[in-house]
Amino acid sequence: MPAPYRVDITPSAESDIAEIWDYIAQDSPGYAESFIWKLTEQFETLENFPERCQLIAENRILGTSYRHLIYGHYRTIFRISAQTVIILRIIHAARLLDSRLFEIG
């Protein structure tokens, strides 16, 4: 049975993944590979029931309805549009959200 949602990743989120890998790989390329593998595996779980993830607190300020999935110290910020989950950004949990972080579209 096909998944009810398709998961798309924006170029900004792909860039975030590369930056996370680069940062972790400075200390341990093997751990960086493992971490990114597990992080991206979580995206697949969004094919079913993405609504299970919490709405982000910043929605009131940003005027959005974004959700997040947390892995380690990173937040995968996404939105749901019809039957598509759009991964917008993957950011460190300590980083403040700002509307300039998000692509329009």
N, C-alpha and C. Protein backbone atom coordinates (compact mmCIF):
# COMPACT_ATOMS: atom_id res chain seq x y z
N MET A 1 0.84 -1.18 0.00
CA MET A 1 0.00 0.00 0.00
C MET A 1 0.89 1.25 0.00
N PRO A 2 0.65 2.19 -0.91
CA PRO A 2 1.48 3.39 -0.96
C PRO A 2 1.26 4.27 0.26
N ALA A 3 2.29 5.03 0.60
CA ALA A 3 2.19 5.95 1.72
C ALA A 3 1.20 7.06 1.38
N PRO A 4 0.46 7.52 2.38
CA PRO A 4 -0.52 8.57 2.10
C PRO A 4 0.08 9.93 1.78
N TYR A 5 1.33 10.17 2.19
CA TYR A 5 1.99 11.44 1.93
C TYR A 5 3.29 11.23 1.18
N ARG A 6 3.60 12.18 0.31
CA ARG A 6 4.90 12.22 -0.35
C ARG A 6 5.76 13.20 0.45
N VAL A 7 7.04 12.92 0.60
CA VAL A 7 7.95 13.80 1.33
C VAL A 7 8.91 14.43 0.34
N ASP A 8 8.90 15.76 0.29
CA ASP A 8 9.81 16.54 -0.56
C ASP A 8 10.76 17.33 0.33
N ILE A 9 11.98 17.48 -0.12
CA ILE A 9 12.99 18.22 0.63
C ILE A 9 13.41 19.43 -0.18
N THR A 10 13.34 20.60 0.43
CA THR A 10 13.74 21.83 -0.27
C THR A 10 15.26 21.90 -0.41
N PRO A 11 15.74 22.69 -1.35
CA PRO A 11 17.19 22.89 -1.47
C PRO A 11 17.81 23.43 -0.17
N SER A 12 17.09 24.27 0.54
CA SER A 12 17.62 24.80 1.81
C SER A 12 17.82 23.68 2.82
N ALA A 13 16.89 22.75 2.89
CA ALA A 13 17.02 21.63 3.81
C ALA A 13 18.16 20.72 3.38
N GLU A 14 18.32 20.51 2.09
CA GLU A 14 19.46 19.70 1.60
C GLU A 14 20.78 20.36 1.98
N SER A 15 20.83 21.67 1.87
CA SER A 15 22.03 22.41 2.26
C SER A 15 22.28 22.28 3.76
N ASP A 16 21.20 22.32 4.55
CA ASP A 16 21.33 22.14 5.99
C ASP A 16 21.95 20.79 6.32
N ILE A 17 21.51 19.75 5.63
CA ILE A 17 22.04 18.40 5.85
C ILE A 17 23.54 18.38 5.57
N ALA A 18 23.94 18.98 4.47
CA ALA A 18 25.37 19.03 4.12
C ALA A 18 26.17 19.78 5.18
N GLU A 19 25.63 20.89 5.67
CA GLU A 19 26.33 21.66 6.70
C GLU A 19 26.44 20.88 8.01
N ILE A 20 25.39 20.16 8.37
CA ILE A 20 25.43 19.34 9.59
C ILE A 20 26.50 18.27 9.44
N TRP A 21 26.52 17.61 8.28
CA TRP A 21 27.54 16.58 8.04
C TRP A 21 28.94 17.18 8.15
N ASP A 22 29.15 18.32 7.51
CA ASP A 22 30.47 18.96 7.56
C ASP A 22 30.88 19.26 8.99
N TYR A 23 29.96 19.77 9.77
CA TYR A 23 30.27 20.15 11.16
C TYR A 23 30.64 18.92 11.99
N ILE A 24 29.82 17.88 11.91
CA ILE A 24 30.08 16.67 12.69
C ILE A 24 31.33 15.95 12.19
N ALA A 25 31.53 15.94 10.89
CA ALA A 25 32.67 15.23 10.29
C ALA A 25 34.02 15.82 10.67
N GLN A 26 34.03 17.05 11.15
CA GLN A 26 35.29 17.64 11.61
C GLN A 26 35.89 16.79 12.73
N ASP A 27 35.02 16.20 13.55
CA ASP A 27 35.46 15.34 14.64
C ASP A 27 35.44 13.86 14.28
N SER A 28 34.40 13.47 13.52
CA SER A 28 34.24 12.05 13.21
C SER A 28 33.42 11.84 11.94
N PRO A 29 34.07 11.62 10.81
CA PRO A 29 33.33 11.37 9.57
C PRO A 29 32.38 10.17 9.68
N GLY A 30 32.81 9.14 10.40
CA GLY A 30 31.94 7.96 10.55
C GLY A 30 30.68 8.27 11.31
N TYR A 31 30.82 9.05 12.39
CA TYR A 31 29.63 9.43 13.17
C TYR A 31 28.75 10.36 12.36
N ALA A 32 29.36 11.25 11.58
CA ALA A 32 28.58 12.16 10.74
C ALA A 32 27.71 11.36 9.77
N GLU A 33 28.30 10.36 9.15
CA GLU A 33 27.56 9.51 8.21
C GLU A 33 26.40 8.82 8.90
N SER A 34 26.66 8.24 10.07
CA SER A 34 25.62 7.55 10.83
C SER A 34 24.51 8.51 11.27
N PHE A 35 24.90 9.68 11.75
CA PHE A 35 23.93 10.65 12.22
C PHE A 35 23.01 11.10 11.09
N ILE A 36 23.59 11.43 9.95
CA ILE A 36 22.80 11.90 8.81
C ILE A 36 21.90 10.78 8.30
N TRP A 37 22.39 9.56 8.29
CA TRP A 37 21.57 8.42 7.87
C TRP A 37 20.33 8.31 8.76
N LYS A 38 20.52 8.38 10.07
CA LYS A 38 19.40 8.26 11.01
C LYS A 38 18.47 9.47 10.91
N LEU A 39 19.03 10.64 10.72
CA LEU A 39 18.22 11.84 10.57
C LEU A 39 17.31 11.73 9.36
N THR A 40 17.88 11.33 8.23
CA THR A 40 17.07 11.23 7.01
C THR A 40 16.10 10.05 7.05
N GLU A 41 16.42 9.01 7.80
CA GLU A 41 15.46 7.91 7.97
C GLU A 41 14.17 8.42 8.62
N GLN A 42 14.31 9.41 9.49
CA GLN A 42 13.13 9.96 10.14
C GLN A 42 12.18 10.61 9.14
N PHE A 43 12.73 11.17 8.07
CA PHE A 43 11.87 11.78 7.06
C PHE A 43 10.85 10.78 6.53
N GLU A 44 11.30 9.53 6.36
CA GLU A 44 10.41 8.49 5.84
C GLU A 44 9.21 8.28 6.75
N THR A 45 9.38 8.50 8.05
CA THR A 45 8.26 8.30 8.98
C THR A 45 7.17 9.34 8.75
N LEU A 46 7.51 10.43 8.09
CA LEU A 46 6.52 11.48 7.83
C LEU A 46 5.54 11.09 6.72
N GLU A 47 5.83 9.99 6.00
CA GLU A 47 4.91 9.52 4.98
C GLU A 47 3.58 9.09 5.59
N ASN A 48 3.62 8.71 6.85
CA ASN A 48 2.42 8.29 7.57
C ASN A 48 2.25 9.15 8.81
N PHE A 49 1.13 9.78 8.93
CA PHE A 49 0.76 10.56 10.11
C PHE A 49 1.71 11.70 10.45
N PRO A 50 2.03 12.60 9.53
CA PRO A 50 2.89 13.73 9.87
C PRO A 50 2.25 14.66 10.89
N GLU A 51 0.93 14.58 11.02
CA GLU A 51 0.21 15.42 11.99
C GLU A 51 0.55 15.05 13.43
N ARG A 52 1.21 13.91 13.63
CA ARG A 52 1.60 13.50 14.99
C ARG A 52 2.66 14.42 15.56
N CYS A 53 3.36 15.13 14.69
CA CYS A 53 4.43 16.02 15.13
C CYS A 53 3.83 17.34 15.59
N GLN A 54 4.45 17.91 16.60
CA GLN A 54 3.94 19.14 17.19
C GLN A 54 4.06 20.33 16.24
N LEU A 55 3.10 21.25 16.40
CA LEU A 55 3.21 22.54 15.75
C LEU A 55 4.32 23.30 16.48
N ILE A 56 5.08 24.10 15.73
CA ILE A 56 6.17 24.84 16.38
C ILE A 56 5.61 26.07 17.10
N ALA A 57 6.25 26.43 18.19
CA ALA A 57 5.81 27.57 18.99
C ALA A 57 5.89 28.88 18.21
N GLU A 58 6.82 28.96 17.28
CA GLU A 58 7.04 30.19 16.52
C GLU A 58 5.94 30.50 15.50
N ASN A 59 5.00 29.58 15.32
CA ASN A 59 3.93 29.81 14.35
C ASN A 59 3.18 31.11 14.60
N ARG A 60 2.95 31.44 15.86
CA ARG A 60 2.22 32.68 16.18
C ARG A 60 2.97 33.90 15.66
N ILE A 61 4.28 33.89 15.80
CA ILE A 61 5.10 35.02 15.36
C ILE A 61 5.25 35.03 13.84
N LEU A 62 5.47 33.85 13.27
CA LEU A 62 5.72 33.74 11.83
C LEU A 62 4.45 33.76 11.00
N GLY A 63 3.30 33.48 11.63
CA GLY A 63 2.05 33.40 10.87
C GLY A 63 1.99 32.17 9.99
N THR A 64 2.53 31.06 10.49
CA THR A 64 2.61 29.82 9.72
C THR A 64 1.93 28.69 10.48
N SER A 65 1.94 27.52 9.89
CA SER A 65 1.45 26.31 10.57
C SER A 65 2.47 25.19 10.40
N TYR A 66 3.72 25.51 10.66
CA TYR A 66 4.81 24.55 10.54
C TYR A 66 4.81 23.58 11.72
N ARG A 67 5.35 22.42 11.46
CA ARG A 67 5.52 21.39 12.49
C ARG A 67 7.00 21.04 12.56
N HIS A 68 7.38 20.29 13.59
CA HIS A 68 8.77 19.86 13.64
C HIS A 68 8.88 18.43 14.15
N LEU A 69 9.96 17.81 13.72
CA LEU A 69 10.35 16.47 14.12
C LEU A 69 11.75 16.64 14.69
N ILE A 70 11.96 16.14 15.88
CA ILE A 70 13.24 16.36 16.56
C ILE A 70 14.07 15.08 16.55
N TYR A 71 15.34 15.25 16.20
CA TYR A 71 16.30 14.15 16.27
C TYR A 71 17.59 14.72 16.85
N GLY A 72 18.01 14.18 17.97
CA GLY A 72 19.20 14.72 18.63
C GLY A 72 18.95 16.17 19.00
N HIS A 73 19.89 17.01 18.61
CA HIS A 73 19.76 18.45 18.88
C HIS A 73 19.23 19.21 17.67
N TYR A 74 18.63 18.52 16.71
CA TYR A 74 18.18 19.14 15.48
C TYR A 74 16.67 19.05 15.31
N ARG A 75 16.12 20.11 14.76
CA ARG A 75 14.69 20.19 14.45
C ARG A 75 14.52 20.15 12.94
N THR A 76 13.72 19.22 12.47
CA THR A 76 13.33 19.20 11.07
C THR A 76 12.01 19.96 10.99
N ILE A 77 12.04 21.12 10.37
CA ILE A 77 10.86 21.97 10.25
C ILE A 77 10.19 21.65 8.92
N PHE A 78 8.88 21.38 8.98
CA PHE A 78 8.16 21.02 7.75
C PHE A 78 6.74 21.58 7.77
N ARG A 79 6.14 21.56 6.59
CA ARG A 79 4.73 21.91 6.48
C ARG A 79 4.04 20.84 5.65
N ILE A 80 2.76 20.76 5.83
CA ILE A 80 1.95 19.80 5.10
C ILE A 80 1.11 20.57 4.09
N SER A 81 1.17 20.15 2.84
CA SER A 81 0.39 20.77 1.78
C SER A 81 -0.30 19.66 1.01
N ALA A 82 -1.61 19.57 1.18
CA ALA A 82 -2.39 18.48 0.58
C ALA A 82 -1.80 17.15 1.02
N GLN A 83 -1.31 16.35 0.10
CA GLN A 83 -0.74 15.04 0.43
C GLN A 83 0.79 15.05 0.35
N THR A 84 1.39 16.22 0.54
CA THR A 84 2.84 16.35 0.49
C THR A 84 3.36 16.97 1.78
N VAL A 85 4.41 16.37 2.31
CA VAL A 85 5.14 16.92 3.44
C VAL A 85 6.37 17.61 2.85
N ILE A 86 6.53 18.89 3.14
CA ILE A 86 7.64 19.64 2.58
C ILE A 86 8.62 19.96 3.70
N ILE A 87 9.80 19.35 3.62
CA ILE A 87 10.86 19.60 4.59
C ILE A 87 11.48 20.95 4.24
N LEU A 88 11.33 21.91 5.14
CA LEU A 88 11.79 23.27 4.87
C LEU A 88 13.21 23.52 5.33
N ARG A 89 13.52 23.15 6.56
CA ARG A 89 14.84 23.38 7.13
C ARG A 89 15.15 22.31 8.17
N ILE A 90 16.42 22.09 8.42
CA ILE A 90 16.89 21.27 9.53
C ILE A 90 17.87 22.15 10.29
N ILE A 91 17.49 22.54 11.49
CA ILE A 91 18.29 23.50 12.23
C ILE A 91 18.59 22.98 13.64
N HIS A 92 19.67 23.49 14.21
CA HIS A 92 20.01 23.15 15.59
C HIS A 92 18.92 23.71 16.48
N ALA A 93 18.52 22.96 17.49
CA ALA A 93 17.43 23.36 18.37
C ALA A 93 17.72 24.66 19.10
N ALA A 94 18.98 25.00 19.30
CA ALA A 94 19.32 26.24 20.00
C ALA A 94 19.19 27.48 19.09
N ARG A 95 19.05 27.24 17.80
CA ARG A 95 18.97 28.36 16.85
C ARG A 95 17.57 28.95 16.85
N LEU A 96 17.50 30.26 16.88
CA LEU A 96 16.21 30.94 16.84
C LEU A 96 15.65 30.91 15.43
N LEU A 97 14.35 30.69 15.34
CA LEU A 97 13.70 30.70 14.03
C LEU A 97 13.42 32.13 13.61
N ASP A 98 13.56 32.36 12.33
CA ASP A 98 13.39 33.67 11.76
C ASP A 98 12.79 33.44 10.38
N SER A 99 11.88 34.28 9.96
CA SER A 99 11.22 34.08 8.66
C SER A 99 12.22 34.07 7.51
N ARG A 100 13.40 34.69 7.69
CA ARG A 100 14.40 34.69 6.62
C ARG A 100 15.01 33.31 6.40
N LEU A 101 14.77 32.37 7.33
CA LEU A 101 15.30 31.01 7.18
C LEU A 101 14.52 30.20 6.15
N PHE A 102 13.33 30.66 5.80
CA PHE A 102 12.44 29.84 4.99
C PHE A 102 12.32 30.37 3.57
N GLU A 103 12.28 29.41 2.63
CA GLU A 103 12.03 29.74 1.23
C GLU A 103 10.56 30.07 1.07
N ILE A 104 10.26 30.93 0.18
CA ILE A 104 8.87 31.23 -0.14
C ILE A 104 8.41 30.17 -1.14
N GLY A 105 7.22 29.63 -0.89
CA GLY A 105 6.71 28.66 -1.85
C GLY A 105 6.16 27.44 -1.24
